[in-house]
Amino acid sequence: MQSKNTVASFKTYLSESYNELVHKVSWPTWKELQSSAIVVLISALILSLIVFLMDFIFGVHNMGVSNAWKGLLGYIYKFLGQ
């Protein structure tokens, strides 16, 4: 008896979900979707540029590797230390 109740409640869930998606959700227009995509693209580019600059300035410090990129600050410290 439990499985019939579960199947009926699952059918009700699907029916109500479909009804909400079709009749109650306000979908963006094509123009709104394009402008939102452009905002996301520009934001992603700015964040990736920030991460790149941080990596370039501070660099990575691999233990035991003498020719590893030490970052811009690493070369400045090396220059000042000699």
N, C-alpha and C. Protein backbone atom coordinates (compact mmCIF):
# COMPACT_ATOMS: atom_id res chain seq x y z
N MET A 1 0.80 -1.19 0.00
CA MET A 1 0.00 0.00 0.00
C MET A 1 0.85 1.27 0.00
N GLN A 2 1.99 1.17 0.61
CA GLN A 2 2.89 2.32 0.70
C GLN A 2 3.38 2.75 -0.68
N SER A 3 3.66 1.79 -1.58
CA SER A 3 4.20 2.14 -2.90
C SER A 3 3.19 2.89 -3.75
N LYS A 4 1.89 2.58 -3.64
CA LYS A 4 0.87 3.31 -4.40
C LYS A 4 0.79 4.76 -3.93
N ASN A 5 0.90 4.96 -2.64
CA ASN A 5 0.88 6.31 -2.09
C ASN A 5 2.11 7.10 -2.54
N THR A 6 3.25 6.43 -2.58
CA THR A 6 4.48 7.07 -3.01
C THR A 6 4.42 7.45 -4.49
N VAL A 7 3.91 6.53 -5.31
CA VAL A 7 3.78 6.80 -6.75
C VAL A 7 2.81 7.95 -6.98
N ALA A 8 1.70 7.96 -6.27
CA ALA A 8 0.72 9.04 -6.42
C ALA A 8 1.30 10.38 -6.00
N SER A 9 2.06 10.39 -4.89
CA SER A 9 2.64 11.66 -4.45
C SER A 9 3.73 12.12 -5.41
N PHE A 10 4.45 11.19 -6.03
CA PHE A 10 5.46 11.57 -7.02
C PHE A 10 4.81 12.16 -8.27
N LYS A 11 3.69 11.57 -8.70
CA LYS A 11 2.95 12.11 -9.86
C LYS A 11 2.43 13.51 -9.54
N THR A 12 1.95 13.69 -8.31
CA THR A 12 1.47 15.02 -7.90
C THR A 12 2.61 16.02 -7.91
N TYR A 13 3.76 15.59 -7.42
CA TYR A 13 4.94 16.47 -7.41
C TYR A 13 5.31 16.89 -8.83
N LEU A 14 5.37 15.92 -9.76
CA LEU A 14 5.71 16.25 -11.15
C LEU A 14 4.68 17.19 -11.77
N SER A 15 3.41 16.93 -11.52
CA SER A 15 2.35 17.76 -12.08
C SER A 15 2.43 19.20 -11.55
N GLU A 16 2.63 19.34 -10.24
CA GLU A 16 2.73 20.68 -9.66
C GLU A 16 4.00 21.41 -10.10
N SER A 17 5.09 20.67 -10.25
CA SER A 17 6.34 21.28 -10.72
C SER A 17 6.18 21.80 -12.14
N TYR A 18 5.57 20.98 -13.01
CA TYR A 18 5.34 21.40 -14.39
C TYR A 18 4.44 22.63 -14.43
N ASN A 19 3.37 22.62 -13.65
CA ASN A 19 2.44 23.75 -13.62
C ASN A 19 3.15 25.03 -13.18
N GLU A 20 4.00 24.91 -12.16
CA GLU A 20 4.72 26.10 -11.68
C GLU A 20 5.69 26.62 -12.72
N LEU A 21 6.43 25.71 -13.38
CA LEU A 21 7.40 26.15 -14.39
C LEU A 21 6.73 26.80 -15.59
N VAL A 22 5.57 26.31 -15.97
CA VAL A 22 4.90 26.83 -17.17
C VAL A 22 4.12 28.11 -16.87
N HIS A 23 3.43 28.16 -15.72
CA HIS A 23 2.49 29.25 -15.50
C HIS A 23 2.94 30.30 -14.49
N LYS A 24 3.84 29.96 -13.56
CA LYS A 24 4.17 30.89 -12.49
C LYS A 24 5.56 31.50 -12.59
N VAL A 25 6.44 30.87 -13.32
CA VAL A 25 7.81 31.37 -13.43
C VAL A 25 7.86 32.43 -14.52
N SER A 26 8.52 33.55 -14.24
CA SER A 26 8.69 34.58 -15.27
C SER A 26 10.08 34.38 -15.89
N TRP A 27 10.10 33.92 -17.11
CA TRP A 27 11.35 33.65 -17.81
C TRP A 27 11.86 34.94 -18.42
N PRO A 28 13.19 35.13 -18.46
CA PRO A 28 13.74 36.36 -19.04
C PRO A 28 13.58 36.36 -20.56
N THR A 29 13.53 37.56 -21.10
CA THR A 29 13.49 37.68 -22.56
C THR A 29 14.88 37.40 -23.12
N TRP A 30 14.95 37.24 -24.43
CA TRP A 30 16.24 36.97 -25.06
C TRP A 30 17.22 38.11 -24.83
N LYS A 31 16.73 39.34 -24.87
CA LYS A 31 17.57 40.52 -24.64
C LYS A 31 18.10 40.54 -23.20
N GLU A 32 17.25 40.25 -22.23
CA GLU A 32 17.68 40.20 -20.84
C GLU A 32 18.70 39.09 -20.61
N LEU A 33 18.48 37.96 -21.26
CA LEU A 33 19.41 36.84 -21.13
C LEU A 33 20.78 37.18 -21.71
N GLN A 34 20.80 37.88 -22.83
CA GLN A 34 22.07 38.29 -23.43
C GLN A 34 22.81 39.28 -22.54
N SER A 35 22.10 40.24 -21.99
CA SER A 35 22.77 41.22 -21.14
C SER A 35 23.29 40.58 -19.86
N SER A 36 22.55 39.64 -19.30
CA SER A 36 23.03 38.94 -18.11
C SER A 36 24.26 38.09 -18.43
N ALA A 37 24.27 37.47 -19.60
CA ALA A 37 25.43 36.66 -19.99
C ALA A 37 26.66 37.54 -20.17
N ILE A 38 26.47 38.73 -20.70
CA ILE A 38 27.60 39.65 -20.87
C ILE A 38 28.15 40.09 -19.51
N VAL A 39 27.26 40.36 -18.56
CA VAL A 39 27.70 40.74 -17.21
C VAL A 39 28.49 39.61 -16.57
N VAL A 40 28.03 38.38 -16.71
CA VAL A 40 28.74 37.22 -16.16
C VAL A 40 30.09 37.06 -16.83
N LEU A 41 30.16 37.22 -18.14
CA LEU A 41 31.41 37.08 -18.87
C LEU A 41 32.43 38.14 -18.43
N ILE A 42 32.00 39.38 -18.32
CA ILE A 42 32.90 40.45 -17.89
C ILE A 42 33.37 40.22 -16.45
N SER A 43 32.47 39.80 -15.58
CA SER A 43 32.85 39.51 -14.19
C SER A 43 33.87 38.38 -14.13
N ALA A 44 33.66 37.33 -14.91
CA ALA A 44 34.61 36.21 -14.92
C ALA A 44 35.97 36.65 -15.45
N LEU A 45 35.99 37.50 -16.46
CA LEU A 45 37.26 37.99 -16.98
C LEU A 45 38.00 38.85 -15.96
N ILE A 46 37.28 39.71 -15.26
CA ILE A 46 37.90 40.56 -14.24
C ILE A 46 38.47 39.70 -13.11
N LEU A 47 37.70 38.73 -12.64
CA LEU A 47 38.19 37.86 -11.57
C LEU A 47 39.40 37.03 -12.00
N SER A 48 39.38 36.53 -13.24
CA SER A 48 40.53 35.76 -13.71
C SER A 48 41.76 36.64 -13.87
N LEU A 49 41.58 37.89 -14.26
CA LEU A 49 42.70 38.83 -14.35
C LEU A 49 43.27 39.12 -12.97
N ILE A 50 42.41 39.28 -11.97
CA ILE A 50 42.88 39.51 -10.60
C ILE A 50 43.68 38.31 -10.10
N VAL A 51 43.18 37.10 -10.33
CA VAL A 51 43.90 35.90 -9.90
C VAL A 51 45.22 35.78 -10.63
N PHE A 52 45.25 36.08 -11.93
CA PHE A 52 46.49 36.03 -12.69
C PHE A 52 47.51 37.02 -12.13
N LEU A 53 47.08 38.25 -11.86
CA LEU A 53 47.99 39.25 -11.33
C LEU A 53 48.53 38.86 -9.95
N MET A 54 47.67 38.29 -9.11
CA MET A 54 48.14 37.84 -7.81
C MET A 54 49.16 36.73 -7.96
N ASP A 55 48.92 35.81 -8.87
CA ASP A 55 49.86 34.72 -9.10
C ASP A 55 51.16 35.25 -9.69
N PHE A 56 51.08 36.23 -10.57
CA PHE A 56 52.27 36.79 -11.19
C PHE A 56 53.11 37.54 -10.16
N ILE A 57 52.44 38.30 -9.30
CA ILE A 57 53.17 39.10 -8.31
C ILE A 57 53.76 38.23 -7.21
N PHE A 58 52.95 37.34 -6.64
CA PHE A 58 53.42 36.55 -5.51
C PHE A 58 54.09 35.25 -5.92
N GLY A 59 53.70 34.69 -7.06
CA GLY A 59 54.33 33.49 -7.59
C GLY A 59 54.04 32.24 -6.78
N VAL A 60 54.71 31.17 -7.18
CA VAL A 60 54.61 29.90 -6.47
C VAL A 60 55.98 29.58 -5.92
N HIS A 61 56.01 28.91 -4.81
CA HIS A 61 57.28 28.56 -4.18
C HIS A 61 57.38 27.06 -4.07
N ASN A 62 58.01 26.43 -5.05
CA ASN A 62 58.20 25.00 -5.03
C ASN A 62 59.46 24.67 -4.24
N MET A 63 59.31 23.85 -3.24
CA MET A 63 60.45 23.47 -2.41
C MET A 63 61.41 22.60 -3.22
N GLY A 64 62.66 22.94 -3.20
CA GLY A 64 63.67 22.12 -3.85
C GLY A 64 63.86 22.39 -5.33
N VAL A 65 63.04 23.22 -5.94
CA VAL A 65 63.18 23.52 -7.36
C VAL A 65 63.80 24.91 -7.47
N SER A 66 65.01 24.96 -7.97
CA SER A 66 65.74 26.23 -7.97
C SER A 66 65.26 27.19 -9.05
N ASN A 67 64.76 26.67 -10.16
CA ASN A 67 64.37 27.56 -11.26
C ASN A 67 62.85 27.79 -11.31
N ALA A 68 62.14 27.50 -10.20
CA ALA A 68 60.69 27.71 -10.17
C ALA A 68 60.39 29.21 -10.14
N TRP A 69 59.27 29.59 -10.70
CA TRP A 69 58.85 30.99 -10.71
C TRP A 69 58.57 31.42 -9.29
N LYS A 70 59.29 32.40 -8.82
CA LYS A 70 59.17 32.88 -7.45
C LYS A 70 58.27 34.12 -7.37
N GLY A 71 57.76 34.52 -8.48
CA GLY A 71 56.91 35.70 -8.50
C GLY A 71 57.74 36.96 -8.65
N LEU A 72 57.08 38.01 -8.97
CA LEU A 72 57.74 39.30 -9.15
C LEU A 72 58.38 39.76 -7.85
N LEU A 73 57.68 39.55 -6.73
CA LEU A 73 58.24 39.94 -5.44
C LEU A 73 59.47 39.11 -5.09
N GLY A 74 59.49 37.85 -5.49
CA GLY A 74 60.65 37.01 -5.22
C GLY A 74 61.89 37.54 -5.92
N TYR A 75 61.74 38.00 -7.15
CA TYR A 75 62.90 38.55 -7.86
C TYR A 75 63.32 39.91 -7.31
N ILE A 76 62.35 40.69 -6.82
CA ILE A 76 62.70 41.97 -6.20
C ILE A 76 63.47 41.72 -4.90
N TYR A 77 63.00 40.77 -4.10
CA TYR A 77 63.71 40.44 -2.86
C TYR A 77 65.10 39.89 -3.15
N LYS A 78 65.22 39.08 -4.19
CA LYS A 78 66.51 38.53 -4.56
C LYS A 78 67.46 39.64 -5.00
N PHE A 79 66.95 40.60 -5.78
CA PHE A 79 67.75 41.73 -6.25
C PHE A 79 68.19 42.60 -5.08
N LEU A 80 67.28 42.86 -4.14
CA LEU A 80 67.60 43.70 -2.99
C LEU A 80 68.57 43.00 -2.02
N GLY A 81 68.50 41.68 -1.97
CA GLY A 81 69.33 40.93 -1.04
C GLY A 81 70.77 40.79 -1.51
N GLN A 82 71.05 40.99 -2.78
CA GLN A 82 72.42 40.80 -3.27
C GLN A 82 73.20 42.09 -3.29
